Amino acid sequence: MPQLDTSTWFITIVSSMLTLFILFQLKISSQTFPTAPSQKTVITEKTKTPWESKWTKIYSPLSLPQQ
């Protein structure tokens, strides 16, 4: 039974990997990517809620008079 000649496998695998690397580099370098987004200032308006306009007191159960 004849043996498989593997003497050219190394150069074949290395050249294939090099070719794939070059092709991917060319494909990636041809794409254009968007620039970094600029910072936008956002002004938030404070909305008045009903409980902010009047004074409220929170009663703690411990501060209530004992009955």
N, C-alpha and C. Protein backbone atom coordinates (compact mmCIF):
# COMPACT_ATOMS: atom_id res chain seq x y z
N MET A 1 0.85 -1.18 0.00
CA MET A 1 0.00 0.00 0.00
C MET A 1 0.90 1.25 0.00
N PRO A 2 0.67 2.17 -0.94
CA PRO A 2 1.56 3.35 -1.02
C PRO A 2 1.28 4.32 0.13
N GLN A 3 2.30 5.01 0.55
CA GLN A 3 2.16 5.99 1.62
C GLN A 3 1.79 7.35 1.04
N LEU A 4 1.08 8.13 1.87
CA LEU A 4 0.65 9.46 1.45
C LEU A 4 1.83 10.41 1.60
N ASP A 5 2.08 11.15 0.53
CA ASP A 5 3.20 12.10 0.56
C ASP A 5 2.73 13.39 1.23
N THR A 6 3.25 13.70 2.42
CA THR A 6 2.83 14.88 3.17
C THR A 6 3.90 15.97 3.18
N SER A 7 4.85 15.88 2.28
CA SER A 7 5.95 16.84 2.30
C SER A 7 5.50 18.24 1.86
N THR A 8 4.44 18.34 1.08
CA THR A 8 4.00 19.66 0.59
C THR A 8 2.87 20.24 1.43
N TRP A 9 2.42 19.52 2.46
CA TRP A 9 1.30 20.00 3.24
C TRP A 9 1.63 21.29 3.98
N PHE A 10 2.80 21.39 4.52
CA PHE A 10 3.16 22.58 5.31
C PHE A 10 3.10 23.84 4.45
N ILE A 11 3.72 23.81 3.29
CA ILE A 11 3.72 25.01 2.44
C ILE A 11 2.32 25.31 1.92
N THR A 12 1.51 24.28 1.71
CA THR A 12 0.14 24.50 1.24
C THR A 12 -0.71 25.17 2.32
N ILE A 13 -0.59 24.69 3.55
CA ILE A 13 -1.37 25.26 4.65
C ILE A 13 -0.92 26.68 4.94
N VAL A 14 0.38 26.91 4.98
CA VAL A 14 0.88 28.24 5.27
C VAL A 14 0.51 29.23 4.18
N SER A 15 0.61 28.84 2.94
CA SER A 15 0.26 29.75 1.85
C SER A 15 -1.24 30.01 1.83
N SER A 16 -2.06 29.04 2.20
CA SER A 16 -3.51 29.25 2.26
C SER A 16 -3.87 30.24 3.38
N MET A 17 -3.23 30.07 4.52
CA MET A 17 -3.50 30.99 5.62
C MET A 17 -3.05 32.41 5.28
N LEU A 18 -1.91 32.53 4.64
CA LEU A 18 -1.42 33.86 4.24
C LEU A 18 -2.37 34.50 3.23
N THR A 19 -2.85 33.72 2.29
CA THR A 19 -3.78 34.24 1.29
C THR A 19 -5.08 34.69 1.95
N LEU A 20 -5.61 33.89 2.86
CA LEU A 20 -6.84 34.28 3.56
C LEU A 20 -6.64 35.53 4.39
N PHE A 21 -5.49 35.63 5.05
CA PHE A 21 -5.21 36.82 5.85
C PHE A 21 -5.17 38.07 4.97
N ILE A 22 -4.51 37.97 3.83
CA ILE A 22 -4.41 39.13 2.92
C ILE A 22 -5.79 39.49 2.38
N LEU A 23 -6.57 38.48 2.01
CA LEU A 23 -7.90 38.77 1.48
C LEU A 23 -8.79 39.45 2.52
N PHE A 24 -8.75 38.96 3.75
CA PHE A 24 -9.55 39.59 4.81
C PHE A 24 -9.08 41.01 5.09
N GLN A 25 -7.78 41.23 5.08
CA GLN A 25 -7.26 42.58 5.31
C GLN A 25 -7.71 43.53 4.22
N LEU A 26 -7.69 43.07 2.98
CA LEU A 26 -8.14 43.92 1.87
C LEU A 26 -9.64 44.19 1.97
N LYS A 27 -10.39 43.18 2.35
CA LYS A 27 -11.84 43.37 2.47
C LYS A 27 -12.18 44.34 3.59
N ILE A 28 -11.50 44.22 4.72
CA ILE A 28 -11.78 45.10 5.85
C ILE A 28 -11.32 46.52 5.55
N SER A 29 -10.18 46.68 4.90
CA SER A 29 -9.66 48.02 4.64
C SER A 29 -10.48 48.77 3.60
N SER A 30 -11.24 48.06 2.79
CA SER A 30 -12.05 48.74 1.78
C SER A 30 -13.35 49.28 2.35
N GLN A 31 -13.73 48.84 3.55
CA GLN A 31 -14.98 49.31 4.15
C GLN A 31 -14.76 50.66 4.82
N THR A 32 -15.80 51.46 4.79
CA THR A 32 -15.75 52.75 5.47
C THR A 32 -16.59 52.65 6.74
N PHE A 33 -16.03 53.09 7.84
CA PHE A 33 -16.71 53.05 9.11
C PHE A 33 -17.13 54.46 9.50
N PRO A 34 -18.26 54.61 10.19
CA PRO A 34 -18.69 55.95 10.60
C PRO A 34 -17.74 56.53 11.64
N THR A 35 -17.67 57.83 11.65
CA THR A 35 -16.81 58.49 12.61
C THR A 35 -17.42 58.41 14.00
N ALA A 36 -16.63 58.73 14.98
CA ALA A 36 -17.10 58.68 16.37
C ALA A 36 -18.23 59.70 16.55
N PRO A 37 -19.27 59.36 17.28
CA PRO A 37 -20.37 60.30 17.47
C PRO A 37 -19.95 61.48 18.33
N SER A 38 -20.48 62.62 17.99
CA SER A 38 -20.15 63.81 18.76
C SER A 38 -21.05 63.91 19.98
N GLN A 39 -20.54 64.58 20.98
CA GLN A 39 -21.29 64.73 22.23
C GLN A 39 -22.40 65.74 22.04
N LYS A 40 -23.61 65.36 22.37
CA LYS A 40 -24.75 66.26 22.23
C LYS A 40 -25.21 66.68 23.62
N THR A 41 -25.40 67.99 23.79
CA THR A 41 -25.85 68.47 25.10
C THR A 41 -27.37 68.40 25.15
N VAL A 42 -27.87 67.79 26.18
CA VAL A 42 -29.31 67.64 26.36
C VAL A 42 -29.71 68.43 27.59
N ILE A 43 -30.65 69.33 27.40
CA ILE A 43 -31.14 70.16 28.49
C ILE A 43 -32.47 69.56 28.96
N THR A 44 -32.49 69.12 30.19
CA THR A 44 -33.72 68.55 30.73
C THR A 44 -34.45 69.61 31.55
N GLU A 45 -35.73 69.71 31.32
CA GLU A 45 -36.52 70.67 32.07
C GLU A 45 -37.11 69.96 33.29
N LYS A 46 -37.00 70.63 34.42
CA LYS A 46 -37.52 70.03 35.65
C LYS A 46 -39.02 70.26 35.70
N THR A 47 -39.75 69.16 35.80
CA THR A 47 -41.20 69.26 35.87
C THR A 47 -41.62 69.32 37.33
N LYS A 48 -42.61 70.14 37.59
CA LYS A 48 -43.12 70.29 38.95
C LYS A 48 -44.15 69.20 39.22
N THR A 49 -43.94 68.52 40.30
CA THR A 49 -44.92 67.53 40.72
C THR A 49 -45.74 68.12 41.87
N PRO A 50 -46.95 67.64 42.06
CA PRO A 50 -47.82 68.27 43.08
C PRO A 50 -47.22 68.24 44.48
N TRP A 51 -46.47 67.22 44.82
CA TRP A 51 -45.95 67.15 46.18
C TRP A 51 -44.70 68.00 46.39
N GLU A 52 -44.16 68.56 45.33
CA GLU A 52 -43.01 69.45 45.50
C GLU A 52 -43.45 70.87 45.86
N SER A 53 -44.66 71.25 45.51
CA SER A 53 -45.10 72.62 45.76
C SER A 53 -45.64 72.82 47.17
N LYS A 54 -45.97 71.77 47.87
CA LYS A 54 -46.48 71.94 49.22
C LYS A 54 -45.64 71.10 50.19
N TRP A 55 -45.68 71.53 51.45
CA TRP A 55 -44.88 70.87 52.47
C TRP A 55 -45.65 69.69 53.01
N THR A 56 -45.00 68.57 53.08
CA THR A 56 -45.63 67.40 53.67
C THR A 56 -44.76 66.87 54.78
N LYS A 57 -45.40 66.29 55.76
CA LYS A 57 -44.66 65.73 56.88
C LYS A 57 -44.88 64.22 56.89
N ILE A 58 -43.81 63.51 57.05
CA ILE A 58 -43.89 62.05 57.11
C ILE A 58 -43.84 61.67 58.59
N TYR A 59 -44.85 60.97 59.03
CA TYR A 59 -44.93 60.57 60.42
C TYR A 59 -44.32 59.19 60.59
N SER A 60 -43.34 59.13 61.44
CA SER A 60 -42.74 57.84 61.78
C SER A 60 -43.58 57.21 62.87
N PRO A 61 -43.80 55.90 62.82
CA PRO A 61 -44.60 55.25 63.87
C PRO A 61 -44.01 55.45 65.25
N LEU A 62 -42.72 55.63 65.36
CA LEU A 62 -42.11 55.81 66.67
C LEU A 62 -42.32 57.22 67.22
N SER A 63 -42.56 58.19 66.33
CA SER A 63 -42.72 59.56 66.81
C SER A 63 -44.18 59.90 67.12
N LEU A 64 -45.10 59.00 66.85
CA LEU A 64 -46.50 59.26 67.17
C LEU A 64 -46.73 59.17 68.66
N PRO A 65 -47.66 59.94 69.21
CA PRO A 65 -47.93 59.86 70.64
C PRO A 65 -48.53 58.49 70.99
N GLN A 66 -48.15 58.01 72.12
CA GLN A 66 -48.67 56.72 72.54
C GLN A 66 -50.10 56.85 73.01
N GLN A 67 -50.88 55.83 72.75
CA GLN A 67 -52.29 55.90 73.09
C GLN A 67 -52.61 55.08 74.30
